[in-house]
N, C-alpha and C. Protein backbone atom coordinates (compact mmCIF):
# COMPACT_ATOMS: atom_id res chain seq x y z
N MET A 1 0.85 -1.18 0.00
CA MET A 1 0.00 0.00 0.00
C MET A 1 0.89 1.24 0.00
N ASN A 2 0.48 2.23 -0.77
CA ASN A 2 1.17 3.50 -0.81
C ASN A 2 0.48 4.45 0.17
N ILE A 3 1.25 5.06 1.05
CA ILE A 3 0.72 5.91 2.12
C ILE A 3 1.21 7.33 1.93
N TYR A 4 0.30 8.29 2.00
CA TYR A 4 0.62 9.71 1.90
C TYR A 4 0.81 10.27 3.30
N VAL A 5 1.92 10.96 3.52
CA VAL A 5 2.22 11.54 4.83
C VAL A 5 2.45 13.03 4.63
N SER A 6 1.72 13.85 5.37
CA SER A 6 1.90 15.30 5.26
C SER A 6 2.18 15.90 6.63
N ASN A 7 2.47 17.20 6.62
CA ASN A 7 2.84 17.95 7.82
C ASN A 7 4.15 17.42 8.43
N ILE A 8 5.07 17.00 7.56
CA ILE A 8 6.37 16.49 8.00
C ILE A 8 7.27 17.69 8.32
N ASN A 9 7.93 17.64 9.45
CA ASN A 9 8.88 18.68 9.84
C ASN A 9 9.96 18.79 8.75
N PHE A 10 10.33 20.01 8.40
CA PHE A 10 11.32 20.21 7.34
C PHE A 10 12.69 19.64 7.70
N ARG A 11 12.95 19.43 8.99
CA ARG A 11 14.23 18.83 9.43
C ARG A 11 14.21 17.31 9.37
N ALA A 12 13.05 16.72 9.19
CA ALA A 12 12.93 15.25 9.20
C ALA A 12 13.64 14.65 7.99
N ARG A 13 14.26 13.51 8.22
CA ARG A 13 14.92 12.76 7.15
C ARG A 13 14.07 11.53 6.83
N GLU A 14 14.32 10.95 5.68
CA GLU A 14 13.59 9.74 5.30
C GLU A 14 13.81 8.63 6.32
N GLU A 15 14.99 8.58 6.93
CA GLU A 15 15.27 7.57 7.94
C GLU A 15 14.37 7.73 9.17
N ASP A 16 14.05 8.98 9.53
CA ASP A 16 13.15 9.25 10.67
C ASP A 16 11.76 8.69 10.39
N LEU A 17 11.28 8.93 9.19
CA LEU A 17 9.96 8.45 8.79
C LEU A 17 9.94 6.93 8.72
N GLN A 18 10.99 6.35 8.16
CA GLN A 18 11.07 4.89 8.05
C GLN A 18 11.06 4.25 9.43
N ALA A 19 11.80 4.81 10.38
CA ALA A 19 11.84 4.25 11.73
C ALA A 19 10.46 4.25 12.37
N ALA A 20 9.70 5.32 12.16
CA ALA A 20 8.34 5.40 12.74
C ALA A 20 7.44 4.33 12.13
N PHE A 21 7.49 4.14 10.82
CA PHE A 21 6.61 3.18 10.15
C PHE A 21 7.04 1.73 10.38
N GLU A 22 8.33 1.48 10.55
CA GLU A 22 8.80 0.10 10.75
C GLU A 22 8.29 -0.52 12.04
N LYS A 23 7.80 0.30 12.95
CA LYS A 23 7.20 -0.24 14.18
C LYS A 23 5.93 -1.04 13.87
N TYR A 24 5.37 -0.82 12.68
CA TYR A 24 4.12 -1.48 12.28
C TYR A 24 4.32 -2.59 11.26
N GLY A 25 5.52 -2.69 10.69
CA GLY A 25 5.77 -3.74 9.71
C GLY A 25 6.83 -3.33 8.71
N GLU A 26 7.01 -4.18 7.71
CA GLU A 26 8.04 -3.95 6.70
C GLU A 26 7.72 -2.71 5.86
N VAL A 27 8.75 -1.91 5.63
CA VAL A 27 8.64 -0.72 4.79
C VAL A 27 9.47 -0.97 3.54
N SER A 28 8.86 -0.85 2.35
CA SER A 28 9.62 -1.10 1.13
C SER A 28 10.25 0.17 0.56
N SER A 29 9.66 1.34 0.82
CA SER A 29 10.30 2.58 0.38
C SER A 29 9.74 3.78 1.14
N VAL A 30 10.58 4.82 1.24
CA VAL A 30 10.21 6.08 1.87
C VAL A 30 10.74 7.19 0.98
N LYS A 31 9.89 8.17 0.68
CA LYS A 31 10.33 9.30 -0.15
C LYS A 31 9.71 10.58 0.38
N ILE A 32 10.58 11.49 0.85
CA ILE A 32 10.13 12.84 1.21
C ILE A 32 10.32 13.70 -0.04
N ILE A 33 9.27 14.38 -0.45
CA ILE A 33 9.31 15.18 -1.67
C ILE A 33 10.05 16.48 -1.40
N LYS A 34 11.00 16.80 -2.31
CA LYS A 34 11.83 18.00 -2.15
C LYS A 34 11.66 18.93 -3.34
N ASP A 35 11.83 20.21 -3.08
CA ASP A 35 11.81 21.22 -4.12
C ASP A 35 13.00 20.97 -5.06
N LYS A 36 12.74 21.02 -6.36
CA LYS A 36 13.80 20.71 -7.34
C LYS A 36 14.95 21.70 -7.29
N GLU A 37 14.66 22.97 -7.04
CA GLU A 37 15.70 23.99 -7.05
C GLU A 37 16.44 24.10 -5.72
N THR A 38 15.71 24.16 -4.63
CA THR A 38 16.34 24.39 -3.32
C THR A 38 16.72 23.09 -2.61
N ARG A 39 16.18 21.97 -3.06
CA ARG A 39 16.39 20.66 -2.42
C ARG A 39 15.84 20.63 -0.99
N ARG A 40 14.99 21.59 -0.63
CA ARG A 40 14.37 21.64 0.69
C ARG A 40 13.09 20.81 0.67
N SER A 41 12.82 20.14 1.78
CA SER A 41 11.60 19.35 1.90
C SER A 41 10.37 20.21 1.67
N LYS A 42 9.38 19.61 1.00
CA LYS A 42 8.10 20.30 0.82
C LYS A 42 7.13 19.97 1.95
N GLY A 43 7.55 19.13 2.89
CA GLY A 43 6.71 18.84 4.05
C GLY A 43 5.74 17.68 3.85
N PHE A 44 5.91 16.93 2.75
CA PHE A 44 5.07 15.74 2.57
C PHE A 44 5.89 14.67 1.85
N GLY A 45 5.35 13.45 1.90
CA GLY A 45 6.05 12.35 1.25
C GLY A 45 5.19 11.10 1.19
N PHE A 46 5.83 10.01 0.80
CA PHE A 46 5.13 8.74 0.61
C PHE A 46 5.92 7.60 1.24
N VAL A 47 5.18 6.67 1.82
CA VAL A 47 5.77 5.46 2.39
C VAL A 47 5.04 4.28 1.76
N GLU A 48 5.80 3.29 1.31
CA GLU A 48 5.18 2.08 0.76
C GLU A 48 5.42 0.93 1.71
N MET A 49 4.33 0.19 1.97
CA MET A 49 4.39 -1.00 2.81
C MET A 49 3.74 -2.15 2.04
N PRO A 50 4.43 -3.30 1.92
CA PRO A 50 3.88 -4.40 1.13
C PRO A 50 2.66 -5.09 1.76
N ASP A 51 2.54 -5.04 3.07
CA ASP A 51 1.43 -5.70 3.77
C ASP A 51 0.33 -4.68 4.06
N ASP A 52 -0.83 -4.84 3.41
CA ASP A 52 -1.93 -3.89 3.58
C ASP A 52 -2.41 -3.79 5.02
N ASN A 53 -2.44 -4.91 5.74
CA ASN A 53 -2.89 -4.87 7.14
C ASN A 53 -1.92 -4.07 8.00
N ALA A 54 -0.62 -4.26 7.80
CA ALA A 54 0.38 -3.48 8.54
C ALA A 54 0.27 -2.01 8.16
N ALA A 55 0.02 -1.73 6.88
CA ALA A 55 -0.12 -0.35 6.43
C ALA A 55 -1.32 0.32 7.08
N LYS A 56 -2.44 -0.38 7.16
CA LYS A 56 -3.63 0.18 7.81
C LYS A 56 -3.38 0.44 9.29
N SER A 57 -2.65 -0.46 9.94
CA SER A 57 -2.29 -0.25 11.35
C SER A 57 -1.40 0.97 11.50
N ALA A 58 -0.45 1.13 10.57
CA ALA A 58 0.44 2.29 10.61
C ALA A 58 -0.33 3.58 10.40
N ILE A 59 -1.29 3.58 9.48
CA ILE A 59 -2.11 4.77 9.24
C ILE A 59 -2.86 5.14 10.52
N ASP A 60 -3.50 4.14 11.13
CA ASP A 60 -4.25 4.39 12.36
C ASP A 60 -3.34 4.85 13.50
N GLY A 61 -2.18 4.20 13.61
CA GLY A 61 -1.28 4.49 14.73
C GLY A 61 -0.48 5.77 14.57
N LEU A 62 -0.20 6.18 13.35
CA LEU A 62 0.69 7.33 13.14
C LEU A 62 -0.03 8.62 12.74
N ASN A 63 -1.31 8.54 12.41
CA ASN A 63 -2.05 9.77 12.12
C ASN A 63 -2.15 10.57 13.42
N GLY A 64 -1.54 11.75 13.43
CA GLY A 64 -1.50 12.57 14.65
C GLY A 64 -0.23 12.35 15.47
N TYR A 65 0.63 11.42 15.05
CA TYR A 65 1.88 11.13 15.75
C TYR A 65 2.82 12.33 15.67
N MET A 66 3.43 12.69 16.80
CA MET A 66 4.37 13.81 16.84
C MET A 66 5.75 13.34 16.41
N LEU A 67 6.23 13.84 15.30
CA LEU A 67 7.57 13.54 14.81
C LEU A 67 8.32 14.87 14.70
N LEU A 68 9.35 15.03 15.51
CA LEU A 68 10.13 16.28 15.53
C LEU A 68 9.22 17.50 15.70
N ASP A 69 8.35 17.43 16.68
CA ASP A 69 7.47 18.54 17.07
C ASP A 69 6.40 18.90 16.04
N ARG A 70 6.10 18.01 15.11
CA ARG A 70 5.00 18.23 14.16
C ARG A 70 4.09 17.02 14.18
N SER A 71 2.79 17.26 14.13
CA SER A 71 1.80 16.19 14.14
C SER A 71 1.57 15.70 12.71
N LEU A 72 1.98 14.46 12.44
CA LEU A 72 1.84 13.91 11.09
C LEU A 72 0.38 13.69 10.72
N ARG A 73 0.07 13.87 9.44
CA ARG A 73 -1.23 13.48 8.89
C ARG A 73 -0.93 12.33 7.93
N VAL A 74 -1.58 11.20 8.18
CA VAL A 74 -1.27 9.97 7.45
C VAL A 74 -2.56 9.39 6.86
N ASN A 75 -2.54 9.14 5.53
CA ASN A 75 -3.69 8.59 4.82
C ASN A 75 -3.21 7.66 3.72
N GLU A 76 -4.12 6.80 3.27
CA GLU A 76 -3.81 6.00 2.09
C GLU A 76 -3.69 6.96 0.90
N ALA A 77 -2.64 6.79 0.10
CA ALA A 77 -2.42 7.66 -1.06
C ALA A 77 -3.48 7.39 -2.11
N LYS A 78 -3.98 8.45 -2.71
CA LYS A 78 -4.94 8.33 -3.81
C LYS A 78 -4.15 8.33 -5.13
N PRO A 79 -4.61 7.55 -6.11
CA PRO A 79 -3.90 7.56 -7.40
C PRO A 79 -3.99 8.94 -8.05
N ARG A 80 -2.94 9.30 -8.76
CA ARG A 80 -2.96 10.58 -9.47
C ARG A 80 -4.01 10.51 -10.58
N PRO A 81 -4.77 11.62 -10.75
CA PRO A 81 -5.78 11.63 -11.82
C PRO A 81 -5.11 11.60 -13.19
N GLU A 82 -5.72 10.89 -14.10
CA GLU A 82 -5.23 10.82 -15.48
C GLU A 82 -5.52 12.14 -16.18
N GLU A 83 -4.56 12.63 -16.95
CA GLU A 83 -4.78 13.90 -17.65
C GLU A 83 -5.05 13.66 -19.11
């Protein structure tokens, strides 16, 4: 399952996010989205977990979780609309 995570502290690293999600199960990838020019975090990213049940537990457990003084918002990622 692909999980959308927002309200990520700009100081957070992908390793910080991965450590939080690994408490719920295997994490296959973590990507914090960065501005192309400044390379600064945009404050959101995606986590992929192969086990849907573990992913749902992570969503429930980490929505509102304080990571580096910011309360994460965690939801199942919606597919991008076709253009």
